Amino acid sequence: MNPTVAAVSDLVSAVRKDGKPVVRLRCADYGDEWVVNCDVYPVDGLSVQPRTAGPYSFGTGGEAKQFVETSLLALQILGCDLA
């Protein structure tokens, strides 16, 4: 596993649909870059292990925040709840 991904530990949000986790977004500041990592849970009900999306690297905290906020808005539009 990428050590950058393993170090991402600041939970930003957990997104749920019908009470089940859908996406967990995490963001961390590494000094010269901000990294957002996502765990995406299957909604087919056949498996419970999430898949990792990312890491997505940004030059500033503002860019990382905009990515997270836009992602959360899109998930809300798709009917997910923010936990």
PDB file of N, CA and C in Angstrom:
ATOM      1  N   MET A   1       0.842  -1.188   0.000  1.00  0.00           N
ATOM      2  CA  MET A   1       0.000   0.000   0.000  1.00  0.00           C
ATOM      3  C   MET A   1       0.883   1.245   0.000  1.00  0.00           C
ATOM      4  N   ASN A   2       0.459   2.239  -0.703  1.00  0.00           N
ATOM      5  CA  ASN A   2       1.156   3.511  -0.764  1.00  0.00           C
ATOM      6  C   ASN A   2       1.217   4.130   0.633  1.00  0.00           C
ATOM      7  N   PRO A   3       2.417   4.510   1.139  1.00  0.00           N
ATOM      8  CA  PRO A   3       2.496   5.071   2.494  1.00  0.00           C
ATOM      9  C   PRO A   3       1.700   6.364   2.646  1.00  0.00           C
ATOM     10  N   THR A   4       1.545   7.126   1.562  1.00  0.00           N
ATOM     11  CA  THR A   4       0.744   8.347   1.633  1.00  0.00           C
ATOM     12  C   THR A   4      -0.704   7.994   1.926  1.00  0.00           C
ATOM     13  N   VAL A   5      -1.218   6.977   1.249  1.00  0.00           N
ATOM     14  CA  VAL A   5      -2.602   6.561   1.462  1.00  0.00           C
ATOM     15  C   VAL A   5      -2.775   6.056   2.888  1.00  0.00           C
ATOM     16  N   ALA A   6      -1.818   5.289   3.385  1.00  0.00           N
ATOM     17  CA  ALA A   6      -1.918   4.723   4.732  1.00  0.00           C
ATOM     18  C   ALA A   6      -1.916   5.813   5.792  1.00  0.00           C
ATOM     19  N   ALA A   7      -1.291   6.944   5.515  1.00  0.00           N
ATOM     20  CA  ALA A   7      -1.183   8.014   6.498  1.00  0.00           C
ATOM     21  C   ALA A   7      -2.399   8.928   6.529  1.00  0.00           C
ATOM     22  N   VAL A   8      -3.280   8.810   5.544  1.00  0.00           N
ATOM     23  CA  VAL A   8      -4.459   9.672   5.505  1.00  0.00           C
ATOM     24  C   VAL A   8      -5.407   9.224   6.602  1.00  0.00           C
ATOM     25  N   SER A   9      -5.585  10.072   7.621  1.00  0.00           N
ATOM     26  CA  SER A   9      -6.373   9.614   8.767  1.00  0.00           C
ATOM     27  C   SER A   9      -7.438  10.592   9.234  1.00  0.00           C
ATOM     28  N   ASP A  10      -7.499  11.779   8.668  1.00  0.00           N
ATOM     29  CA  ASP A  10      -8.469  12.770   9.125  1.00  0.00           C
ATOM     30  C   ASP A  10      -9.787  12.550   8.401  1.00  0.00           C
ATOM     31  N   LEU A  11     -10.771  11.963   9.094  1.00  0.00           N
ATOM     32  CA  LEU A  11     -12.054  11.651   8.481  1.00  0.00           C
ATOM     33  C   LEU A  11     -12.813  12.929   8.175  1.00  0.00           C
ATOM     34  N   VAL A  12     -13.215  13.094   6.944  1.00  0.00           N
ATOM     35  CA  VAL A  12     -13.989  14.256   6.531  1.00  0.00           C
ATOM     36  C   VAL A  12     -15.469  13.953   6.596  1.00  0.00           C
ATOM     37  N   SER A  13     -15.875  12.831   6.043  1.00  0.00           N
ATOM     38  CA  SER A  13     -17.299  12.542   6.000  1.00  0.00           C
ATOM     39  C   SER A  13     -17.546  11.078   5.696  1.00  0.00           C
ATOM     40  N   ALA A  14     -18.644  10.584   6.195  1.00  0.00           N
ATOM     41  CA  ALA A  14     -19.133   9.256   5.826  1.00  0.00           C
ATOM     42  C   ALA A  14     -20.484   9.455   5.175  1.00  0.00           C
ATOM     43  N   VAL A  15     -20.690   8.844   4.036  1.00  0.00           N
ATOM     44  CA  VAL A  15     -21.929   8.994   3.286  1.00  0.00           C
ATOM     45  C   VAL A  15     -22.667   7.662   3.318  1.00  0.00           C
ATOM     46  N   ARG A  16     -23.975   7.733   3.583  1.00  0.00           N
ATOM     47  CA  ARG A  16     -24.782   6.512   3.689  1.00  0.00           C
ATOM     48  C   ARG A  16     -26.002   6.603   2.776  1.00  0.00           C
ATOM     49  N   LYS A  17     -26.460   5.432   2.368  1.00  0.00           N
ATOM     50  CA  LYS A  17     -27.722   5.337   1.631  1.00  0.00           C
ATOM     51  C   LYS A  17     -28.460   4.147   2.212  1.00  0.00           C
ATOM     52  N   ASP A  18     -29.692   4.383   2.603  1.00  0.00           N
ATOM     53  CA  ASP A  18     -30.513   3.350   3.246  1.00  0.00           C
ATOM     54  C   ASP A  18     -29.805   2.771   4.472  1.00  0.00           C
ATOM     55  N   GLY A  19     -29.075   3.629   5.196  1.00  0.00           N
ATOM     56  CA  GLY A  19     -28.406   3.229   6.421  1.00  0.00           C
ATOM     57  C   GLY A  19     -27.091   2.491   6.236  1.00  0.00           C
ATOM     58  N   LYS A  20     -26.697   2.225   5.003  1.00  0.00           N
ATOM     59  CA  LYS A  20     -25.458   1.492   4.729  1.00  0.00           C
ATOM     60  C   LYS A  20     -24.396   2.451   4.208  1.00  0.00           C
ATOM     61  N   PRO A  21     -23.129   2.236   4.596  1.00  0.00           N
ATOM     62  CA  PRO A  21     -22.071   3.135   4.105  1.00  0.00           C
ATOM     63  C   PRO A  21     -21.920   3.029   2.597  1.00  0.00           C
ATOM     64  N   VAL A  22     -21.680   4.179   1.963  1.00  0.00           N
ATOM     65  CA  VAL A  22     -21.475   4.239   0.526  1.00  0.00           C
ATOM     66  C   VAL A  22     -20.060   4.733   0.232  1.00  0.00           C
ATOM     67  N   VAL A  23     -19.697   5.856   0.850  1.00  0.00           N
ATOM     68  CA  VAL A  23     -18.384   6.464   0.622  1.00  0.00           C
ATOM     69  C   VAL A  23     -17.863   7.040   1.926  1.00  0.00           C
ATOM     70  N   ARG A  24     -16.572   6.890   2.144  1.00  0.00           N
ATOM     71  CA  ARG A  24     -15.905   7.552   3.261  1.00  0.00           C
ATOM     72  C   ARG A  24     -14.769   8.368   2.658  1.00  0.00           C
ATOM     73  N   LEU A  25     -14.806   9.670   2.888  1.00  0.00           N
ATOM     74  CA  LEU A  25     -13.789  10.579   2.368  1.00  0.00           C
ATOM     75  C   LEU A  25     -12.853  10.993   3.497  1.00  0.00           C
ATOM     76  N   ARG A  26     -11.555  10.950   3.218  1.00  0.00           N
ATOM     77  CA  ARG A  26     -10.573  11.389   4.211  1.00  0.00           C
ATOM     78  C   ARG A  26      -9.616  12.367   3.556  1.00  0.00           C
ATOM     79  N   CYS A  27      -9.179  13.324   4.345  1.00  0.00           N
ATOM     80  CA  CYS A  27      -8.295  14.365   3.832  1.00  0.00           C
ATOM     81  C   CYS A  27      -7.157  14.577   4.809  1.00  0.00           C
ATOM     82  N   ALA A  28      -5.952  14.763   4.283  1.00  0.00           N
ATOM     83  CA  ALA A  28      -4.791  15.004   5.148  1.00  0.00           C
ATOM     84  C   ALA A  28      -3.872  16.035   4.512  1.00  0.00           C
ATOM     85  N   ASP A  29      -3.249  16.831   5.369  1.00  0.00           N
ATOM     86  CA  ASP A  29      -2.286  17.855   4.954  1.00  0.00           C
ATOM     87  C   ASP A  29      -0.884  17.283   5.130  1.00  0.00           C
ATOM     88  N   TYR A  30      -0.130  17.192   4.037  1.00  0.00           N
ATOM     89  CA  TYR A  30       1.243  16.688   4.088  1.00  0.00           C
ATOM     90  C   TYR A  30       2.258  17.810   3.923  1.00  0.00           C
ATOM     91  N   GLY A  31       1.849  19.029   4.175  1.00  0.00           N
ATOM     92  CA  GLY A  31       2.761  20.161   4.089  1.00  0.00           C
ATOM     93  C   GLY A  31       2.832  20.767   2.702  1.00  0.00           C
ATOM     94  N   ASP A  32       3.308  20.010   1.724  1.00  0.00           N
ATOM     95  CA  ASP A  32       3.415  20.538   0.366  1.00  0.00           C
ATOM     96  C   ASP A  32       2.276  20.082  -0.536  1.00  0.00           C
ATOM     97  N   GLU A  33       1.394  19.230  -0.003  1.00  0.00           N
ATOM     98  CA  GLU A  33       0.222  18.811  -0.757  1.00  0.00           C
ATOM     99  C   GLU A  33      -0.875  18.339   0.205  1.00  0.00           C
ATOM    100  N   TRP A  34      -2.098  18.387  -0.288  1.00  0.00           N
ATOM    101  CA  TRP A  34      -3.253  17.854   0.439  1.00  0.00           C
ATOM    102  C   TRP A  34      -3.692  16.613  -0.309  1.00  0.00           C
ATOM    103  N   VAL A  35      -4.019  15.565   0.428  1.00  0.00           N
ATOM    104  CA  VAL A  35      -4.397  14.298  -0.186  1.00  0.00           C
ATOM    105  C   VAL A  35      -5.792  13.902   0.290  1.00  0.00           C
ATOM    106  N   VAL A  36      -6.653  13.563  -0.667  1.00  0.00           N
ATOM    107  CA  VAL A  36      -7.992  13.058  -0.362  1.00  0.00           C
ATOM    108  C   VAL A  36      -8.031  11.604  -0.808  1.00  0.00           C
ATOM    109  N   ASN A  37      -8.491  10.748   0.078  1.00  0.00           N
ATOM    110  CA  ASN A  37      -8.625   9.331  -0.211  1.00  0.00           C
ATOM    111  C   ASN A  37     -10.079   8.939   0.014  1.00  0.00           C
ATOM    112  N   CYS A  38     -10.589   8.045  -0.798  1.00  0.00           N
ATOM    113  CA  CYS A  38     -11.989   7.639  -0.695  1.00  0.00           C
ATOM    114  C   CYS A  38     -12.082   6.120  -0.592  1.00  0.00           C
ATOM    115  N   ASP A  39     -12.913   5.651   0.321  1.00  0.00           N
ATOM    116  CA  ASP A  39     -13.302   4.249   0.367  1.00  0.00           C
ATOM    117  C   ASP A  39     -14.710   4.186  -0.190  1.00  0.00           C
ATOM    118  N   VAL A  40     -14.911   3.396  -1.234  1.00  0.00           N
ATOM    119  CA  VAL A  40     -16.214   3.277  -1.887  1.00  0.00           C
ATOM    120  C   VAL A  40     -16.752   1.881  -1.609  1.00  0.00           C
ATOM    121  N   TYR A  41     -17.894   1.833  -0.935  1.00  0.00           N
ATOM    122  CA  TYR A  41     -18.502   0.557  -0.554  1.00  0.00           C
ATOM    123  C   TYR A  41     -19.446   0.082  -1.640  1.00  0.00           C
ATOM    124  N   PRO A  42     -19.464  -1.216  -1.916  1.00  0.00           N
ATOM    125  CA  PRO A  42     -20.374  -1.742  -2.945  1.00  0.00           C
ATOM    126  C   PRO A  42     -21.829  -1.608  -2.508  1.00  0.00           C
ATOM    127  N   VAL A  43     -22.691  -1.333  -3.455  1.00  0.00           N
ATOM    128  CA  VAL A  43     -24.118  -1.209  -3.139  1.00  0.00           C
ATOM    129  C   VAL A  43     -24.903  -2.398  -3.667  1.00  0.00           C
ATOM    130  N   ASP A  44     -24.195  -3.376  -4.221  1.00  0.00           N
ATOM    131  CA  ASP A  44     -24.884  -4.536  -4.767  1.00  0.00           C
ATOM    132  C   ASP A  44     -25.293  -5.545  -3.705  1.00  0.00           C
ATOM    133  N   GLY A  45     -24.778  -5.380  -2.469  1.00  0.00           N
ATOM    134  CA  GLY A  45     -25.121  -6.279  -1.386  1.00  0.00           C
ATOM    135  C   GLY A  45     -24.378  -7.602  -1.424  1.00  0.00           C
ATOM    136  N   LEU A  46     -23.549  -7.807  -2.423  1.00  0.00           N
ATOM    137  CA  LEU A  46     -22.833  -9.072  -2.548  1.00  0.00           C
ATOM    138  C   LEU A  46     -21.518  -9.093  -1.772  1.00  0.00           C
ATOM    139  N   SER A  47     -20.915  -7.940  -1.573  1.00  0.00           N
ATOM    140  CA  SER A  47     -19.656  -7.885  -0.844  1.00  0.00           C
ATOM    141  C   SER A  47     -19.692  -6.718   0.129  1.00  0.00           C
ATOM    142  N   VAL A  48     -18.811  -6.760   1.112  1.00  0.00           N
ATOM    143  CA  VAL A  48     -18.785  -5.707   2.123  1.00  0.00           C
ATOM    144  C   VAL A  48     -17.477  -4.938   2.132  1.00  0.00           C
ATOM    145  N   GLN A  49     -16.480  -5.397   1.394  1.00  0.00           N
ATOM    146  CA  GLN A  49     -15.183  -4.739   1.382  1.00  0.00           C
ATOM    147  C   GLN A  49     -15.201  -3.523   0.462  1.00  0.00           C
ATOM    148  N   PRO A  50     -14.767  -2.382   0.970  1.00  0.00           N
ATOM    149  CA  PRO A  50     -14.729  -1.190   0.114  1.00  0.00           C
ATOM    150  C   PRO A  50     -13.572  -1.244  -0.873  1.00  0.00           C
ATOM    151  N   ARG A  51     -13.709  -0.493  -1.922  1.00  0.00           N
ATOM    152  CA  ARG A  51     -12.619  -0.292  -2.885  1.00  0.00           C
ATOM    153  C   ARG A  51     -12.065   1.091  -2.629  1.00  0.00           C
ATOM    154  N   THR A  52     -10.789   1.252  -2.860  1.00  0.00           N
ATOM    155  CA  THR A  52     -10.151   2.542  -2.641  1.00  0.00           C
ATOM    156  C   THR A  52     -10.142   3.338  -3.937  1.00  0.00           C
ATOM    157  N   ALA A  53     -10.534   4.588  -3.844  1.00  0.00           N
ATOM    158  CA  ALA A  53     -10.444   5.519  -4.965  1.00  0.00           C
ATOM    159  C   ALA A  53      -9.473   6.614  -4.557  1.00  0.00           C
ATOM    160  N   GLY A  54      -8.545   6.910  -5.392  1.00  0.00           N
ATOM    161  CA  GLY A  54      -7.536   7.888  -5.053  1.00  0.00           C
ATOM    162  C   GLY A  54      -6.218   7.201  -4.769  1.00  0.00           C
ATOM    163  N   PRO A  55      -5.283   7.880  -4.210  1.00  0.00           N
ATOM    164  CA  PRO A  55      -5.414   9.204  -3.611  1.00  0.00           C
ATOM    165  C   PRO A  55      -5.451  10.302  -4.663  1.00  0.00           C
ATOM    166  N   TYR A  56      -6.157  11.352  -4.308  1.00  0.00           N
ATOM    167  CA  TYR A  56      -6.232  12.544  -5.145  1.00  0.00           C
ATOM    168  C   TYR A  56      -5.410  13.622  -4.458  1.00  0.00           C
ATOM    169  N   SER A  57      -4.414  14.150  -5.158  1.00  0.00           N
ATOM    170  CA  SER A  57      -3.511  15.142  -4.571  1.00  0.00           C
ATOM    171  C   SER A  57      -3.859  16.543  -5.051  1.00  0.00           C
ATOM    172  N   PHE A  58      -3.778  17.501  -4.130  1.00  0.00           N
ATOM    173  CA  PHE A  58      -4.088  18.899  -4.427  1.00  0.00           C
ATOM    174  C   PHE A  58      -2.987  19.789  -3.864  1.00  0.00           C
ATOM    175  N   GLY A  59      -2.759  20.903  -4.512  1.00  0.00           N
ATOM    176  CA  GLY A  59      -1.714  21.824  -4.087  1.00  0.00           C
ATOM    177  C   GLY A  59      -2.084  22.652  -2.871  1.00  0.00           C
ATOM    178  N   THR A  60      -3.385  22.865  -2.667  1.00  0.00           N
ATOM    179  CA  THR A  60      -3.820  23.686  -1.529  1.00  0.00           C
ATOM    180  C   THR A  60      -4.991  23.025  -0.815  1.00  0.00           C
ATOM    181  N   GLY A  61      -5.192  23.442   0.423  1.00  0.00           N
ATOM    182  CA  GLY A  61      -6.333  22.962   1.186  1.00  0.00           C
ATOM    183  C   GLY A  61      -7.645  23.385   0.561  1.00  0.00           C
ATOM    184  N   GLY A  62      -7.667  24.561  -0.042  1.00  0.00           N
ATOM    185  CA  GLY A  62      -8.880  25.049  -0.694  1.00  0.00           C
ATOM    186  C   GLY A  62      -9.309  24.160  -1.855  1.00  0.00           C
ATOM    187  N   GLU A  63      -8.335  23.694  -2.636  1.00  0.00           N
ATOM    188  CA  GLU A  63      -8.651  22.798  -3.748  1.00  0.00           C
ATOM    189  C   GLU A  63      -9.183  21.464  -3.234  1.00  0.00           C
ATOM    190  N   ALA A  64      -8.560  20.933  -2.190  1.00  0.00           N
ATOM    191  CA  ALA A  64      -9.012  19.668  -1.605  1.00  0.00           C
ATOM    192  C   ALA A  64     -10.423  19.826  -1.034  1.00  0.00           C
ATOM    193  N   LYS A  65     -10.667  20.944  -0.350  1.00  0.00           N
ATOM    194  CA  LYS A  65     -11.986  21.199   0.229  1.00  0.00           C
ATOM    195  C   LYS A  65     -13.046  21.292  -0.858  1.00  0.00           C
ATOM    196  N   GLN A  66     -12.725  21.965  -1.953  1.00  0.00           N
ATOM    197  CA  GLN A  66     -13.681  22.097  -3.060  1.00  0.00           C
ATOM    198  C   GLN A  66     -14.000  20.720  -3.650  1.00  0.00           C
ATOM    199  N   PHE A  67     -13.000  19.869  -3.803  1.00  0.00           N
ATOM    200  CA  PHE A  67     -13.221  18.521  -4.310  1.00  0.00           C
ATOM    201  C   PHE A  67     -14.156  17.742  -3.394  1.00  0.00           C
ATOM    202  N   VAL A  68     -13.891  17.792  -2.085  1.00  0.00           N
ATOM    203  CA  VAL A  68     -14.718  17.063  -1.115  1.00  0.00           C
ATOM    204  C   VAL A  68     -16.141  17.605  -1.116  1.00  0.00           C
ATOM    205  N   GLU A  69     -16.295  18.923  -1.069  1.00  0.00           N
ATOM    206  CA  GLU A  69     -17.633  19.515  -1.028  1.00  0.00           C
ATOM    207  C   GLU A  69     -18.430  19.207  -2.295  1.00  0.00           C
ATOM    208  N   THR A  70     -17.778  19.248  -3.450  1.00  0.00           N
ATOM    209  CA  THR A  70     -18.460  18.930  -4.704  1.00  0.00           C
ATOM    210  C   THR A  70     -18.858  17.455  -4.739  1.00  0.00           C
ATOM    211  N   SER A  71     -17.976  16.585  -4.245  1.00  0.00           N
ATOM    212  CA  SER A  71     -18.288  15.155  -4.189  1.00  0.00           C
ATOM    213  C   SER A  71     -19.475  14.898  -3.272  1.00  0.00           C
ATOM    214  N   LEU A  72     -19.487  15.543  -2.108  1.00  0.00           N
ATOM    215  CA  LEU A  72     -20.589  15.358  -1.166  1.00  0.00           C
ATOM    216  C   LEU A  72     -21.902  15.863  -1.740  1.00  0.00           C
ATOM    217  N   LEU A  73     -21.867  17.001  -2.433  1.00  0.00           N
ATOM    218  CA  LEU A  73     -23.076  17.536  -3.060  1.00  0.00           C
ATOM    219  C   LEU A  73     -23.611  16.557  -4.102  1.00  0.00           C
ATOM    220  N   ALA A  74     -22.729  16.011  -4.929  1.00  0.00           N
ATOM    221  CA  ALA A  74     -23.152  15.056  -5.950  1.00  0.00           C
ATOM    222  C   ALA A  74     -23.784  13.820  -5.313  1.00  0.00           C
ATOM    223  N   LEU A  75     -23.193  13.329  -4.218  1.00  0.00           N
ATOM    224  CA  LEU A  75     -23.739  12.158  -3.542  1.00  0.00           C
ATOM    225  C   LEU A  75     -25.101  12.468  -2.902  1.00  0.00           C
ATOM    226  N   GLN A  76     -25.279  13.691  -2.385  1.00  0.00           N
ATOM    227  CA  GLN A  76     -26.582  14.082  -1.832  1.00  0.00           C
ATOM    228  C   GLN A  76     -27.631  14.119  -2.930  1.00  0.00           C
ATOM    229  N   ILE A  77     -27.257  14.633  -4.087  1.00  0.00           N
ATOM    230  CA  ILE A  77     -28.190  14.692  -5.218  1.00  0.00           C
ATOM    231  C   ILE A  77     -28.604  13.284  -5.619  1.00  0.00           C
ATOM    232  N   LEU A  78     -27.698  12.316  -5.457  1.00  0.00           N
ATOM    233  CA  LEU A  78     -27.992  10.929  -5.794  1.00  0.00           C
ATOM    234  C   LEU A  78     -28.763  10.207  -4.685  1.00  0.00           C
ATOM    235  N   GLY A  79     -29.129  10.937  -3.624  1.00  0.00           N
ATOM    236  CA  GLY A  79     -29.978  10.366  -2.578  1.00  0.00           C
ATOM    237  C   GLY A  79     -29.252   9.817  -1.370  1.00  0.00           C
ATOM    238  N   CYS A  80     -27.985  10.151  -1.204  1.00  0.00           N
ATOM    239  CA  CYS A  80     -27.234   9.670  -0.052  1.00  0.00           C
ATOM    240  C   CYS A  80     -27.373  10.644   1.117  1.00  0.00           C
ATOM    241  N   ASP A  81     -27.184  10.132   2.323  1.00  0.00           N
ATOM    242  CA  ASP A  81     -27.217  10.932   3.543  1.00  0.00           C
ATOM    243  C   ASP A  81     -25.805  11.116   4.064  1.00  0.00           C
ATOM    244  N   LEU A  82     -25.516  12.303   4.588  1.00  0.00           N
ATOM    245  CA  LEU A  82     -24.205  12.553   5.181  1.00  0.00           C
ATOM    246  C   LEU A  82     -24.288  12.234   6.651  1.00  0.00           C
ATOM    247  N   ALA A  83     -23.327  11.477   7.149  1.00  0.00           N
ATOM    248  CA  ALA A  83     -23.305  11.096   8.559  1.00  0.00           C
ATOM    249  C   ALA A  83     -22.298  11.954   9.305  1.00  0.00           C
TER     250      ALA A  83
END
